[in-house]
C-alpha atoms as a PDB file:
ATOM      1  CA  MET A   1      -0.015  -0.019  -0.002  1.00  0.00           C
ATOM      2  CA  SER A   2       1.435   3.333  -0.996  1.00  0.00           C
ATOM      3  CA  ARG A   3       1.733   6.262   1.415  1.00  0.00           C
ATOM      4  CA  ALA A   4      -1.028   8.109  -0.438  1.00  0.00           C
ATOM      5  CA  TRP A   5      -3.470   5.368   0.668  1.00  0.00           C
ATOM      6  CA  VAL A   6      -2.396   5.009   4.321  1.00  0.00           C
ATOM      7  CA  PHE A   7      -4.036   8.156   5.692  1.00  0.00           C
ATOM      8  CA  PRO A   8      -7.394   7.623   3.942  1.00  0.00           C
ATOM      9  CA  VAL A   9      -7.541   3.973   4.953  1.00  0.00           C
ATOM     10  CA  LEU A  10      -6.723   4.693   8.593  1.00  0.00           C
ATOM     11  CA  THR A  11      -9.108   7.643   8.718  1.00  0.00           C
ATOM     12  CA  ALA A  12     -11.931   5.667   7.070  1.00  0.00           C
ATOM     13  CA  ALA A  13     -11.394   2.689   9.366  1.00  0.00           C
ATOM     14  CA  LEU A  14     -11.302   4.925  12.452  1.00  0.00           C
ATOM     15  CA  ALA A  15     -14.384   6.906  11.470  1.00  0.00           C
ATOM     16  CA  THR A  16     -16.330   3.780  10.566  1.00  0.00           C
ATOM     17  CA  GLY A  17     -15.183   2.105  13.778  1.00  0.00           C
ATOM     18  CA  ILE A  18     -16.433   5.038  15.844  1.00  0.00           C
ATOM     19  CA  VAL A  19     -19.868   4.881  14.149  1.00  0.00           C
ATOM     20  CA  ALA A  20     -20.003   1.119  14.717  1.00  0.00           C
ATOM     21  CA  LEU A  21     -18.939   1.426  18.352  1.00  0.00           C
ATOM     22  CA  LEU A  22     -21.438   4.187  19.106  1.00  0.00           C
ATOM     23  CA  GLY A  23     -24.207   2.239  17.375  1.00  0.00           C
ATOM     24  CA  ALA A  24     -23.337  -0.920  19.294  1.00  0.00           C
ATOM     25  CA  THR A  25     -23.182   0.980  22.596  1.00  0.00           C
ATOM     26  CA  ILE A  26     -26.615   2.482  22.004  1.00  0.00           C
ATOM     27  CA  THR A  27     -28.116  -0.842  20.886  1.00  0.00           C
ATOM     28  CA  VAL A  28     -29.367  -2.357  24.106  1.00  0.00           C
ATOM     29  CA  THR A  29     -31.600  -5.353  23.757  1.00  0.00           C
ATOM     30  CA  GLY A  30     -33.369  -6.771  26.751  1.00  0.00           C
ATOM     31  CA  PRO A  31     -36.856  -7.447  27.954  1.00  0.00           C
ATOM     32  CA  TRP A  32     -38.406  -4.668  25.888  1.00  0.00           C
ATOM     33  CA  TYR A  33     -36.821  -5.860  22.676  1.00  0.00           C
ATOM     34  CA  ASP A  34     -37.326  -9.549  23.485  1.00  0.00           C
ATOM     35  CA  HIS A  35     -41.059  -8.987  23.896  1.00  0.00           C
ATOM     36  CA  LEU A  36     -41.514  -7.319  20.531  1.00  0.00           C
ATOM     37  CA  VAL A  37     -43.454  -9.459  18.066  1.00  0.00           C
ATOM     38  CA  GLN A  38     -41.140 -10.114  15.123  1.00  0.00           C
ATOM     39  CA  PRO A  39     -42.298 -11.180  11.679  1.00  0.00           C
ATOM     40  CA  HIS A  40     -41.623 -14.806  10.870  1.00  0.00           C
ATOM     41  CA  TRP A  41     -39.065 -13.768   8.234  1.00  0.00           C
ATOM     42  CA  ALA A  42     -36.965 -11.632  10.602  1.00  0.00           C
ATOM     43  CA  PRO A  43     -33.333 -12.865  10.765  1.00  0.00           C
ATOM     44  CA  PRO A  44     -31.993 -14.305  13.995  1.00  0.00           C
ATOM     45  CA  ASP A  45     -30.377 -11.779  16.293  1.00  0.00           C
ATOM     46  CA  ARG A  46     -26.830 -12.985  15.615  1.00  0.00           C
ATOM     47  CA  ALA A  47     -27.291 -12.225  11.896  1.00  0.00           C
ATOM     48  CA  TYR A  48     -27.420  -8.481  12.570  1.00  0.00           C
ATOM     49  CA  ALA A  49     -23.852  -8.360  13.925  1.00  0.00           C
ATOM     50  CA  ILE A  50     -22.618 -10.267  10.869  1.00  0.00           C
ATOM     51  CA  ALA A  51     -24.549  -8.059   8.454  1.00  0.00           C
ATOM     52  CA  TRP A  52     -23.368  -4.824  10.074  1.00  0.00           C
ATOM     53  CA  THR A  53     -19.745  -5.981  10.141  1.00  0.00           C
ATOM     54  CA  ILE A  54     -19.942  -6.600   6.413  1.00  0.00           C
ATOM     55  CA  ILE A  55     -21.698  -3.254   5.848  1.00  0.00           C
ATOM     56  CA  TYR A  56     -19.067  -1.353   7.822  1.00  0.00           C
ATOM     57  CA  ALA A  57     -16.240  -3.105   5.935  1.00  0.00           C
ATOM     58  CA  ILE A  58     -17.963  -2.154   2.652  1.00  0.00           C
ATOM     59  CA  ASN A  59     -18.233   1.397   3.906  1.00  0.00           C
ATOM     60  CA  VAL A  60     -14.472   1.606   4.528  1.00  0.00           C
ATOM     61  CA  VAL A  61     -13.781   0.379   0.996  1.00  0.00           C
ATOM     62  CA  ALA A  62     -16.267   2.774  -0.546  1.00  0.00           C
ATOM     63  CA  LEU A  63     -15.055   5.703   1.554  1.00  0.00           C
ATOM     64  CA  VAL A  64     -11.409   5.187   0.609  1.00  0.00           C
ATOM     65  CA  THR A  65     -12.209   4.528  -3.043  1.00  0.00           C
ATOM     66  CA  GLY A  66     -14.502   7.514  -3.275  1.00  0.00           C
ATOM     67  CA  TRP A  67     -12.163   9.814  -1.407  1.00  0.00           C
ATOM     68  CA  HIS A  68      -9.331   9.083  -3.843  1.00  0.00           C
ATOM     69  CA  ALA A  69     -11.650   9.694  -6.783  1.00  0.00           C
ATOM     70  CA  MET A  70     -12.613  13.233  -5.738  1.00  0.00           C
ATOM     71  CA  ARG A  71     -10.950  15.702  -8.064  1.00  0.00           C
ATOM     72  CA  THR A  72     -11.067  18.866  -5.949  1.00  0.00           C
ATOM     73  CA  ARG A  73     -10.943  19.746  -2.270  1.00  0.00           C
ATOM     74  CA  ARG A  74     -14.550  20.933  -2.500  1.00  0.00           C
ATOM     75  CA  GLU A  75     -15.686  17.556  -3.920  1.00  0.00           C
ATOM     76  CA  ALA A  76     -13.793  15.750  -1.172  1.00  0.00           C
ATOM     77  CA  GLU A  77     -15.308  17.980   1.540  1.00  0.00           C
ATOM     78  CA  THR A  78     -18.820  17.374   0.141  1.00  0.00           C
ATOM     79  CA  PHE A  79     -18.138  13.656   0.031  1.00  0.00           C
ATOM     80  CA  ILE A  80     -16.922  13.611   3.656  1.00  0.00           C
ATOM     81  CA  ALA A  81     -19.947  15.683   4.715  1.00  0.00           C
ATOM     82  CA  LEU A  82     -22.254  13.120   3.098  1.00  0.00           C
ATOM     83  CA  TRP A  83     -20.415  10.316   4.952  1.00  0.00           C
ATOM     84  CA  ALA A  84     -20.612  12.167   8.250  1.00  0.00           C
ATOM     85  CA  THR A  85     -24.343  12.710   7.757  1.00  0.00           C
ATOM     86  CA  ASN A  86     -24.820   9.058   7.003  1.00  0.00           C
ATOM     87  CA  GLY A  87     -22.861   8.081  10.114  1.00  0.00           C
ATOM     88  CA  PHE A  88     -24.977  10.401  12.223  1.00  0.00           C
ATOM     89  CA  LEU A  89     -28.211   9.030  10.796  1.00  0.00           C
ATOM     90  CA  ASN A  90     -26.950   5.473  11.355  1.00  0.00           C
ATOM     91  CA  ILE A  91     -26.343   6.185  15.052  1.00  0.00           C
ATOM     92  CA  LEU A  92     -29.614   8.127  15.348  1.00  0.00           C
ATOM     93  CA  TRP A  93     -31.612   5.163  14.139  1.00  0.00           C
ATOM     94  CA  SER A  94     -30.151   2.941  16.893  1.00  0.00           C
ATOM     95  CA  LEU A  95     -30.842   5.662  19.470  1.00  0.00           C
ATOM     96  CA  LEU A  96     -34.488   5.988  18.441  1.00  0.00           C
ATOM     97  CA  PHE A  97     -35.222   2.266  18.077  1.00  0.00           C
ATOM     98  CA  PHE A  98     -33.254   0.783  20.939  1.00  0.00           C
ATOM     99  CA  ARG A  99     -32.480   3.416  23.536  1.00  0.00           C
ATOM    100  CA  LEU A 100     -35.650   5.496  23.282  1.00  0.00           C
ATOM    101  CA  GLN A 101     -37.704   2.400  22.370  1.00  0.00           C
ATOM    102  CA  ARG A 102     -39.501   4.259  19.593  1.00  0.00           C
ATOM    103  CA  PRO A 103     -39.659   2.053  16.507  1.00  0.00           C
ATOM    104  CA  ASP A 104     -42.385   4.386  15.204  1.00  0.00           C
ATOM    105  CA  TRP A 105     -39.935   7.286  15.165  1.00  0.00           C
ATOM    106  CA  SER A 106     -37.133   5.176  13.763  1.00  0.00           C
ATOM    107  CA  VAL A 107     -39.321   4.059  10.847  1.00  0.00           C
ATOM    108  CA  ILE A 108     -39.487   7.719   9.814  1.00  0.00           C
ATOM    109  CA  GLU A 109     -35.762   8.247  10.421  1.00  0.00           C
ATOM    110  CA  VAL A 110     -34.811   5.188   8.322  1.00  0.00           C
ATOM    111  CA  ILE A 111     -36.172   7.041   5.284  1.00  0.00           C
ATOM    112  CA  PHE A 112     -33.509   9.728   5.832  1.00  0.00           C
ATOM    113  CA  LEU A 113     -30.862   7.041   6.357  1.00  0.00           C
ATOM    114  CA  TRP A 114     -31.897   5.414   3.075  1.00  0.00           C
ATOM    115  CA  LEU A 115     -31.745   8.773   1.304  1.00  0.00           C
ATOM    116  CA  SER A 116     -28.262   9.417   2.709  1.00  0.00           C
ATOM    117  CA  VAL A 117     -27.006   6.105   1.324  1.00  0.00           C
ATOM    118  CA  GLY A 118     -28.683   6.928  -1.997  1.00  0.00           C
ATOM    119  CA  SER A 119     -27.092  10.346  -2.096  1.00  0.00           C
ATOM    120  CA  LEU A 120     -23.661   8.790  -1.462  1.00  0.00           C
ATOM    121  CA  ILE A 121     -24.183   6.394  -4.347  1.00  0.00           C
ATOM    122  CA  THR A 122     -25.378   9.203  -6.605  1.00  0.00           C
ATOM    123  CA  TYR A 123     -22.552  11.595  -5.630  1.00  0.00           C
ATOM    124  CA  CYS A 124     -19.899   8.941  -6.209  1.00  0.00           C
ATOM    125  CA  TRP A 125     -21.304   7.677  -9.508  1.00  0.00           C
ATOM    126  CA  ARG A 126     -19.525  10.106 -11.871  1.00  0.00           C
ATOM    127  CA  ARG A 127     -16.354  10.156  -9.837  1.00  0.00           C
ATOM    128  CA  SER A 128     -16.059   6.483  -8.808  1.00  0.00           C
ATOM    129  CA  MET A 129     -18.457   3.983 -10.199  1.00  0.00           C
ATOM    130  CA  ALA A 130     -16.669   1.322  -8.079  1.00  0.00           C
ATOM    131  CA  ALA A 131     -17.420   3.202  -4.830  1.00  0.00           C
ATOM    132  CA  SER A 132     -21.091   3.548  -5.914  1.00  0.00           C
ATOM    133  CA  ILE A 133     -21.426  -0.153  -6.714  1.00  0.00           C
ATOM    134  CA  VAL A 134     -19.786  -1.182  -3.438  1.00  0.00           C
ATOM    135  CA  LEU A 135     -22.458   0.821  -1.598  1.00  0.00           C
ATOM    136  CA  VAL A 136     -25.425  -0.983  -3.206  1.00  0.00           C
ATOM    137  CA  PRO A 137     -25.490  -3.799  -0.568  1.00  0.00           C
ATOM    138  CA  TYR A 138     -25.669  -1.109   2.139  1.00  0.00           C
ATOM    139  CA  LEU A 139     -28.690   0.429   0.358  1.00  0.00           C
ATOM    140  CA  LEU A 140     -30.298  -2.992   0.073  1.00  0.00           C
ATOM    141  CA  TRP A 141     -29.688  -3.673   3.773  1.00  0.00           C
ATOM    142  CA  VAL A 142     -31.165  -0.366   4.824  1.00  0.00           C
ATOM    143  CA  THR A 143     -34.164  -1.086   2.568  1.00  0.00           C
ATOM    144  CA  PHE A 144     -34.637  -4.454   4.274  1.00  0.00           C
ATOM    145  CA  ALA A 145     -34.106  -2.982   7.741  1.00  0.00           C
ATOM    146  CA  GLY A 146     -36.653  -0.254   7.010  1.00  0.00           C
ATOM    147  CA  TYR A 147     -39.237  -2.767   5.916  1.00  0.00           C
ATOM    148  CA  LEU A 148     -38.524  -4.832   9.027  1.00  0.00           C
ATOM    149  CA  ASN A 149     -38.816  -1.751  11.176  1.00  0.00           C
ATOM    150  CA  MET A 150     -42.152  -0.834   9.575  1.00  0.00           C
ATOM    151  CA  THR A 151     -43.454  -4.399  10.105  1.00  0.00           C
ATOM    152  CA  ILE A 152     -42.414  -4.314  13.775  1.00  0.00           C
ATOM    153  CA  VAL A 153     -44.319  -1.062  14.197  1.00  0.00           C
ATOM    154  CA  ARG A 154     -47.410  -2.595  12.600  1.00  0.00           C
ATOM    155  CA  LEU A 155     -47.183  -5.746  14.737  1.00  0.00           C
ATOM    156  CA  ASN A 156     -46.502  -3.960  18.045  1.00  0.00           C
ATOM    157  CA  GLY A 157     -47.770  -0.366  17.885  1.00  0.00           C
ATOM    158  CA  PRO A 158     -48.705   2.035  19.171  1.00  0.00           C
ATOM    159  CA  PHE A 159     -45.629   3.103  21.073  1.00  0.00           C
ATOM    160  CA  SER A 160     -45.395   5.798  23.717  1.00  0.00           C
END
């Protein structure tokens, strides 16, 4: 790995690790979560950790690839701002669903999370098709998670 890649890789890994750590810290399951009615097609709990680990690894690859593809400082700053927004929305979803126990609020928030992933894919497309393509599984995962979230709200609501 050349020196030009070391800083972006370390920065991307650190930033993604912080988002993952904060999300994991906020995600507290327990009696409340265990008593939620889940749809029959919901994955087992252990599958979420595996899926998110893969998603975060994909994010590091896409972040580094996209960062190197940006042609100007302004493009790079916009790209980083989109990533930071996505990280914030990712953490916010966990806060709303698990910590505040408001799946009804998180089903609204997941729309913004989905749009943030879509905007990353769109922004990268002309600069790095590879970064865009690598993000598609993340978009698919958020789509699935949003549908699962909506189903949980329908099966368990109302929440207060």
